[in-house]
Structures are given as structure tokens and as C-alpha cells.
Amino acid sequence: MSAMAIDLDHLVADPIYDPDRCSIGFHPLHEPYLMLIYAFLLIPNSTRLFGIGLFIHLILDFGDCLM
């Protein structure tokens, strides 16, 4: 659930929700280069679940971009 905090960056978008917008590359916490940083969260045991949550979140957002 804490990995859903990545969606707080939607609050700075105008409009906040747009069903036709691709989140990847648009919102600040959904930038492709940040995926590398999120990958490092998978290494320590203390942040692994958070890292997995972030990756699942970004994969689902990418799936929305394809549709």
C-alpha cells in the first residue's frame, strides 16, 4: 500500500486525472530514469517490498499507456 504513494505526483498535474494520459514520463515520480533508483530498492531486505510495489505500479501504468 505504501507504494501507492508514488501517485501523489498526480496532484500537481492539470487536470489531476485524465484517462487518456500516459503516466510514464508525464508525472515527476513516473520518469523512466527513476526506475533505476527504484531497482536499487529491491536489493536491501528492508526496502524490497516497497521496491516490488513500485515496479508493479509502474508496470500497470505502462499497461495503461499501451491501451
PDB file of N, CA and C in Angstrom:
ATOM      1  N   MET A   1       0.822  -1.201   0.000  1.00  0.00           N
ATOM      2  CA  MET A   1       0.000   0.000   0.000  1.00  0.00           C
ATOM      3  C   MET A   1       0.862   1.258   0.000  1.00  0.00           C
ATOM      4  N   SER A   2       2.021   1.203   0.653  1.00  0.00           N
ATOM      5  CA  SER A   2       2.839   2.413   0.701  1.00  0.00           C
ATOM      6  C   SER A   2       3.422   2.752  -0.669  1.00  0.00           C
ATOM      7  N   ALA A   3       3.502   1.780  -1.564  1.00  0.00           N
ATOM      8  CA  ALA A   3       3.995   2.054  -2.917  1.00  0.00           C
ATOM      9  C   ALA A   3       3.000   2.885  -3.715  1.00  0.00           C
ATOM     10  N   MET A   4       1.775   2.974  -3.264  1.00  0.00           N
ATOM     11  CA  MET A   4       0.788   3.807  -3.951  1.00  0.00           C
ATOM     12  C   MET A   4       1.071   5.296  -3.707  1.00  0.00           C
ATOM     13  N   ALA A   5       1.974   5.599  -2.783  1.00  0.00           N
ATOM     14  CA  ALA A   5       2.343   6.991  -2.528  1.00  0.00           C
ATOM     15  C   ALA A   5       2.972   7.629  -3.762  1.00  0.00           C
ATOM     16  N   ILE A   6       3.437   6.822  -4.701  1.00  0.00           N
ATOM     17  CA  ILE A   6       4.001   7.346  -5.941  1.00  0.00           C
ATOM     18  C   ILE A   6       2.956   8.145  -6.716  1.00  0.00           C
ATOM     19  N   ASP A   7       1.695   7.876  -6.492  1.00  0.00           N
ATOM     20  CA  ASP A   7       0.633   8.586  -7.199  1.00  0.00           C
ATOM     21  C   ASP A   7       0.352   9.974  -6.626  1.00  0.00           C
ATOM     22  N   LEU A   8       1.032  10.371  -5.573  1.00  0.00           N
ATOM     23  CA  LEU A   8       0.837  11.725  -5.048  1.00  0.00           C
ATOM     24  C   LEU A   8       1.273  12.774  -6.060  1.00  0.00           C
ATOM     25  N   ASP A   9       2.133  12.386  -7.001  1.00  0.00           N
ATOM     26  CA  ASP A   9       2.562  13.355  -8.010  1.00  0.00           C
ATOM     27  C   ASP A   9       1.451  13.691  -9.002  1.00  0.00           C
ATOM     28  N   HIS A  10       0.365  12.943  -8.983  1.00  0.00           N
ATOM     29  CA  HIS A  10      -0.777  13.265  -9.839  1.00  0.00           C
ATOM     30  C   HIS A  10      -1.444  14.567  -9.384  1.00  0.00           C
ATOM     31  N   LEU A  11      -1.234  14.933  -8.127  1.00  0.00           N
ATOM     32  CA  LEU A  11      -1.868  16.138  -7.591  1.00  0.00           C
ATOM     33  C   LEU A  11      -1.288  17.413  -8.194  1.00  0.00           C
ATOM     34  N   VAL A  12      -0.089  17.341  -8.799  1.00  0.00           N
ATOM     35  CA  VAL A  12       0.497  18.540  -9.408  1.00  0.00           C
ATOM     36  C   VAL A  12       0.148  18.654 -10.885  1.00  0.00           C
ATOM     37  N   ALA A  13      -0.565  17.662 -11.417  1.00  0.00           N
ATOM     38  CA  ALA A  13      -0.956  17.683 -12.836  1.00  0.00           C
ATOM     39  C   ALA A  13      -2.245  18.472 -13.010  1.00  0.00           C
ATOM     40  N   ASP A  14      -2.412  18.982 -14.201  1.00  0.00           N
ATOM     41  CA  ASP A  14      -3.651  19.698 -14.522  1.00  0.00           C
ATOM     42  C   ASP A  14      -4.203  19.141 -15.827  1.00  0.00           C
ATOM     43  N   PRO A  15      -5.302  18.466 -15.825  1.00  0.00           N
ATOM     44  CA  PRO A  15      -6.168  18.084 -14.705  1.00  0.00           C
ATOM     45  C   PRO A  15      -5.531  16.954 -13.896  1.00  0.00           C
ATOM     46  N   ILE A  16      -5.980  16.780 -12.672  1.00  0.00           N
ATOM     47  CA  ILE A  16      -5.417  15.755 -11.804  1.00  0.00           C
ATOM     48  C   ILE A  16      -5.586  14.373 -12.424  1.00  0.00           C
ATOM     49  N   TYR A  17      -6.743  14.104 -12.995  1.00  0.00           N
ATOM     50  CA  TYR A  17      -6.991  12.805 -13.622  1.00  0.00           C
ATOM     51  C   TYR A  17      -7.394  13.013 -15.073  1.00  0.00           C
ATOM     52  N   ASP A  18      -6.704  12.325 -15.951  1.00  0.00           N
ATOM     53  CA  ASP A  18      -7.035  12.332 -17.369  1.00  0.00           C
ATOM     54  C   ASP A  18      -6.923  10.889 -17.854  1.00  0.00           C
ATOM     55  N   PRO A  19      -8.041  10.254 -18.183  1.00  0.00           N
ATOM     56  CA  PRO A  19      -7.995   8.834 -18.552  1.00  0.00           C
ATOM     57  C   PRO A  19      -7.208   8.564 -19.832  1.00  0.00           C
ATOM     58  N   ASP A  20      -6.972   9.564 -20.651  1.00  0.00           N
ATOM     59  CA  ASP A  20      -6.237   9.359 -21.902  1.00  0.00           C
ATOM     60  C   ASP A  20      -4.757   9.704 -21.797  1.00  0.00           C
ATOM     61  N   ARG A  21      -4.282  10.068 -20.611  1.00  0.00           N
ATOM     62  CA  ARG A  21      -2.889  10.474 -20.432  1.00  0.00           C
ATOM     63  C   ARG A  21      -2.051   9.282 -19.973  1.00  0.00           C
ATOM     64  N   CYS A  22      -0.854   9.173 -20.516  1.00  0.00           N
ATOM     65  CA  CYS A  22       0.104   8.153 -20.089  1.00  0.00           C
ATOM     66  C   CYS A  22       0.905   8.715 -18.913  1.00  0.00           C
ATOM     67  N   SER A  23       0.888   8.017 -17.785  1.00  0.00           N
ATOM     68  CA  SER A  23       1.585   8.493 -16.592  1.00  0.00           C
ATOM     69  C   SER A  23       3.100   8.424 -16.743  1.00  0.00           C
ATOM     70  N   ILE A  24       3.588   7.410 -17.443  1.00  0.00           N
ATOM     71  CA  ILE A  24       5.027   7.217 -17.594  1.00  0.00           C
ATOM     72  C   ILE A  24       5.606   8.386 -18.388  1.00  0.00           C
ATOM     73  N   GLY A  25       6.535   9.090 -17.776  1.00  0.00           N
ATOM     74  CA  GLY A  25       7.170  10.219 -18.427  1.00  0.00           C
ATOM     75  C   GLY A  25       6.434  11.535 -18.263  1.00  0.00           C
ATOM     76  N   PHE A  26       5.226  11.515 -17.731  1.00  0.00           N
ATOM     77  CA  PHE A  26       4.473  12.752 -17.539  1.00  0.00           C
ATOM     78  C   PHE A  26       4.568  13.248 -16.101  1.00  0.00           C
ATOM     79  N   HIS A  27       4.331  12.369 -15.160  1.00  0.00           N
ATOM     80  CA  HIS A  27       4.370  12.737 -13.749  1.00  0.00           C
ATOM     81  C   HIS A  27       5.805  12.628 -13.218  1.00  0.00           C
ATOM     82  N   PRO A  28       6.182  13.492 -12.283  1.00  0.00           N
ATOM     83  CA  PRO A  28       7.576  13.519 -11.813  1.00  0.00           C
ATOM     84  C   PRO A  28       8.091  12.204 -11.237  1.00  0.00           C
ATOM     85  N   LEU A  29       7.277  11.472 -10.506  1.00  0.00           N
ATOM     86  CA  LEU A  29       7.735  10.207  -9.912  1.00  0.00           C
ATOM     87  C   LEU A  29       7.565   9.012 -10.852  1.00  0.00           C
ATOM     88  N   HIS A  30       7.091   9.244 -12.054  1.00  0.00           N
ATOM     89  CA  HIS A  30       6.898   8.186 -13.044  1.00  0.00           C
ATOM     90  C   HIS A  30       7.896   8.306 -14.195  1.00  0.00           C
ATOM     91  N   GLU A  31       9.011   8.982 -13.971  1.00  0.00           N
ATOM     92  CA  GLU A  31      10.021   9.158 -15.004  1.00  0.00           C
ATOM     93  C   GLU A  31      10.796   7.858 -15.222  1.00  0.00           C
ATOM     94  N   PRO A  32      11.130   7.548 -16.473  1.00  0.00           N
ATOM     95  CA  PRO A  32      11.846   6.297 -16.757  1.00  0.00           C
ATOM     96  C   PRO A  32      13.195   6.181 -16.038  1.00  0.00           C
ATOM     97  N   TYR A  33      13.926   7.280 -15.888  1.00  0.00           N
ATOM     98  CA  TYR A  33      15.229   7.181 -15.228  1.00  0.00           C
ATOM     99  C   TYR A  33      15.105   6.849 -13.742  1.00  0.00           C
ATOM    100  N   LEU A  34      13.960   7.129 -13.145  1.00  0.00           N
ATOM    101  CA  LEU A  34      13.759   6.787 -11.734  1.00  0.00           C
ATOM    102  C   LEU A  34      13.588   5.293 -11.526  1.00  0.00           C
ATOM    103  N   MET A  35      13.272   4.563 -12.593  1.00  0.00           N
ATOM    104  CA  MET A  35      13.136   3.111 -12.465  1.00  0.00           C
ATOM    105  C   MET A  35      14.451   2.482 -12.019  1.00  0.00           C
ATOM    106  N   LEU A  36      15.572   3.068 -12.398  1.00  0.00           N
ATOM    107  CA  LEU A  36      16.872   2.576 -11.953  1.00  0.00           C
ATOM    108  C   LEU A  36      17.014   2.746 -10.448  1.00  0.00           C
ATOM    109  N   ILE A  37      16.591   3.883  -9.939  1.00  0.00           N
ATOM    110  CA  ILE A  37      16.638   4.113  -8.493  1.00  0.00           C
ATOM    111  C   ILE A  37      15.694   3.160  -7.783  1.00  0.00           C
ATOM    112  N   TYR A  38      14.523   2.958  -8.351  1.00  0.00           N
ATOM    113  CA  TYR A  38      13.567   2.025  -7.747  1.00  0.00           C
ATOM    114  C   TYR A  38      14.116   0.604  -7.772  1.00  0.00           C
ATOM    115  N   ALA A  39      14.923   0.272  -8.777  1.00  0.00           N
ATOM    116  CA  ALA A  39      15.523  -1.063  -8.853  1.00  0.00           C
ATOM    117  C   ALA A  39      16.489  -1.292  -7.686  1.00  0.00           C
ATOM    118  N   PHE A  40      17.182  -0.238  -7.261  1.00  0.00           N
ATOM    119  CA  PHE A  40      18.091  -0.375  -6.126  1.00  0.00           C
ATOM    120  C   PHE A  40      17.340  -0.646  -4.821  1.00  0.00           C
ATOM    121  N   LEU A  41      16.065  -0.301  -4.776  1.00  0.00           N
ATOM    122  CA  LEU A  41      15.263  -0.601  -3.589  1.00  0.00           C
ATOM    123  C   LEU A  41      15.000  -2.099  -3.449  1.00  0.00           C
ATOM    124  N   LEU A  42      15.209  -2.847  -4.526  1.00  0.00           N
ATOM    125  CA  LEU A  42      14.998  -4.287  -4.490  1.00  0.00           C
ATOM    126  C   LEU A  42      16.137  -5.025  -3.790  1.00  0.00           C
ATOM    127  N   ILE A  43      17.280  -4.384  -3.619  1.00  0.00           N
ATOM    128  CA  ILE A  43      18.466  -5.059  -3.076  1.00  0.00           C
ATOM    129  C   ILE A  43      18.392  -5.262  -1.557  1.00  0.00           C
ATOM    130  N   PRO A  44      18.229  -4.199  -0.757  1.00  0.00           N
ATOM    131  CA  PRO A  44      18.167  -4.442   0.701  1.00  0.00           C
ATOM    132  C   PRO A  44      16.834  -5.078   1.106  1.00  0.00           C
ATOM    133  N   ASN A  45      16.898  -5.962   2.064  1.00  0.00           N
ATOM    134  CA  ASN A  45      15.674  -6.613   2.545  1.00  0.00           C
ATOM    135  C   ASN A  45      14.675  -5.614   3.120  1.00  0.00           C
ATOM    136  N   SER A  46      15.183  -4.540   3.713  1.00  0.00           N
ATOM    137  CA  SER A  46      14.290  -3.581   4.382  1.00  0.00           C
ATOM    138  C   SER A  46      13.447  -2.775   3.396  1.00  0.00           C
ATOM    139  N   THR A  47      13.868  -2.650   2.141  1.00  0.00           N
ATOM    140  CA  THR A  47      13.105  -1.866   1.165  1.00  0.00           C
ATOM    141  C   THR A  47      12.593  -2.706  -0.004  1.00  0.00           C
ATOM    142  N   ARG A  48      12.806  -4.012   0.051  1.00  0.00           N
ATOM    143  CA  ARG A  48      12.449  -4.875  -1.077  1.00  0.00           C
ATOM    144  C   ARG A  48      10.953  -4.851  -1.384  1.00  0.00           C
ATOM    145  N   LEU A  49      10.100  -4.937  -0.390  1.00  0.00           N
ATOM    146  CA  LEU A  49       8.661  -4.930  -0.651  1.00  0.00           C
ATOM    147  C   LEU A  49       8.203  -3.602  -1.245  1.00  0.00           C
ATOM    148  N   PHE A  50       8.787  -2.508  -0.785  1.00  0.00           N
ATOM    149  CA  PHE A  50       8.461  -1.204  -1.343  1.00  0.00           C
ATOM    150  C   PHE A  50       8.891  -1.132  -2.808  1.00  0.00           C
ATOM    151  N   GLY A  51      10.096  -1.651  -3.109  1.00  0.00           N
ATOM    152  CA  GLY A  51      10.586  -1.681  -4.485  1.00  0.00           C
ATOM    153  C   GLY A  51       9.721  -2.537  -5.391  1.00  0.00           C
ATOM    154  N   ILE A  52       9.277  -3.677  -4.896  1.00  0.00           N
ATOM    155  CA  ILE A  52       8.389  -4.542  -5.682  1.00  0.00           C
ATOM    156  C   ILE A  52       7.075  -3.815  -5.953  1.00  0.00           C
ATOM    157  N   GLY A  53       6.549  -3.149  -4.944  1.00  0.00           N
ATOM    158  CA  GLY A  53       5.306  -2.393  -5.123  1.00  0.00           C
ATOM    159  C   GLY A  53       5.449  -1.303  -6.165  1.00  0.00           C
ATOM    160  N   LEU A  54       6.597  -0.605  -6.156  1.00  0.00           N
ATOM    161  CA  LEU A  54       6.820   0.445  -7.147  1.00  0.00           C
ATOM    162  C   LEU A  54       6.892  -0.126  -8.557  1.00  0.00           C
ATOM    163  N   PHE A  55       7.599  -1.246  -8.709  1.00  0.00           N
ATOM    164  CA  PHE A  55       7.705  -1.845 -10.035  1.00  0.00           C
ATOM    165  C   PHE A  55       6.359  -2.357 -10.541  1.00  0.00           C
ATOM    166  N   ILE A  56       5.580  -2.975  -9.676  1.00  0.00           N
ATOM    167  CA  ILE A  56       4.250  -3.433 -10.088  1.00  0.00           C
ATOM    168  C   ILE A  56       3.401  -2.238 -10.496  1.00  0.00           C
ATOM    169  N   HIS A  57       3.486  -1.174  -9.737  1.00  0.00           N
ATOM    170  CA  HIS A  57       2.726   0.038 -10.040  1.00  0.00           C
ATOM    171  C   HIS A  57       3.110   0.592 -11.414  1.00  0.00           C
ATOM    172  N   LEU A  58       4.411   0.686 -11.682  1.00  0.00           N
ATOM    173  CA  LEU A  58       4.864   1.239 -12.954  1.00  0.00           C
ATOM    174  C   LEU A  58       4.530   0.317 -14.129  1.00  0.00           C
ATOM    175  N   ILE A  59       4.573  -0.984 -13.919  1.00  0.00           N
ATOM    176  CA  ILE A  59       4.193  -1.929 -14.976  1.00  0.00           C
ATOM    177  C   ILE A  59       2.718  -1.774 -15.318  1.00  0.00           C
ATOM    178  N   LEU A  60       1.881  -1.628 -14.290  1.00  0.00           N
ATOM    179  CA  LEU A  60       0.452  -1.426 -14.538  1.00  0.00           C
ATOM    180  C   LEU A  60       0.190  -0.095 -15.241  1.00  0.00           C
ATOM    181  N   ASP A  61       0.930   0.956 -14.844  1.00  0.00           N
ATOM    182  CA  ASP A  61       0.780   2.247 -15.521  1.00  0.00           C
ATOM    183  C   ASP A  61       1.228   2.147 -16.974  1.00  0.00           C
ATOM    184  N   PHE A  62       2.296   1.402 -17.230  1.00  0.00           N
ATOM    185  CA  PHE A  62       2.772   1.227 -18.602  1.00  0.00           C
ATOM    186  C   PHE A  62       1.732   0.469 -19.420  1.00  0.00           C
ATOM    187  N   GLY A  63       1.061  -0.507 -18.803  1.00  0.00           N
ATOM    188  CA  GLY A  63      -0.007  -1.223 -19.489  1.00  0.00           C
ATOM    189  C   GLY A  63      -1.144  -0.302 -19.884  1.00  0.00           C
ATOM    190  N   ASP A  64      -1.444   0.669 -19.022  1.00  0.00           N
ATOM    191  CA  ASP A  64      -2.465   1.667 -19.356  1.00  0.00           C
ATOM    192  C   ASP A  64      -2.043   2.508 -20.558  1.00  0.00           C
ATOM    193  N   CYS A  65      -0.756   2.757 -20.673  1.00  0.00           N
ATOM    194  CA  CYS A  65      -0.248   3.558 -21.812  1.00  0.00           C
ATOM    195  C   CYS A  65      -0.427   2.813 -23.119  1.00  0.00           C
ATOM    196  N   LEU A  66      -0.353   1.498 -23.080  1.00  0.00           N
ATOM    197  CA  LEU A  66      -0.467   0.715 -24.304  1.00  0.00           C
ATOM    198  C   LEU A  66      -1.896   0.609 -24.795  1.00  0.00           C
ATOM    199  N   MET A  67      -2.846   0.780 -23.902  1.00  0.00           N
ATOM    200  CA  MET A  67      -4.263   0.635 -24.290  1.00  0.00           C
ATOM    201  C   MET A  67      -4.860   1.922 -24.774  1.00  0.00           C
TER     202      MET A  67
END
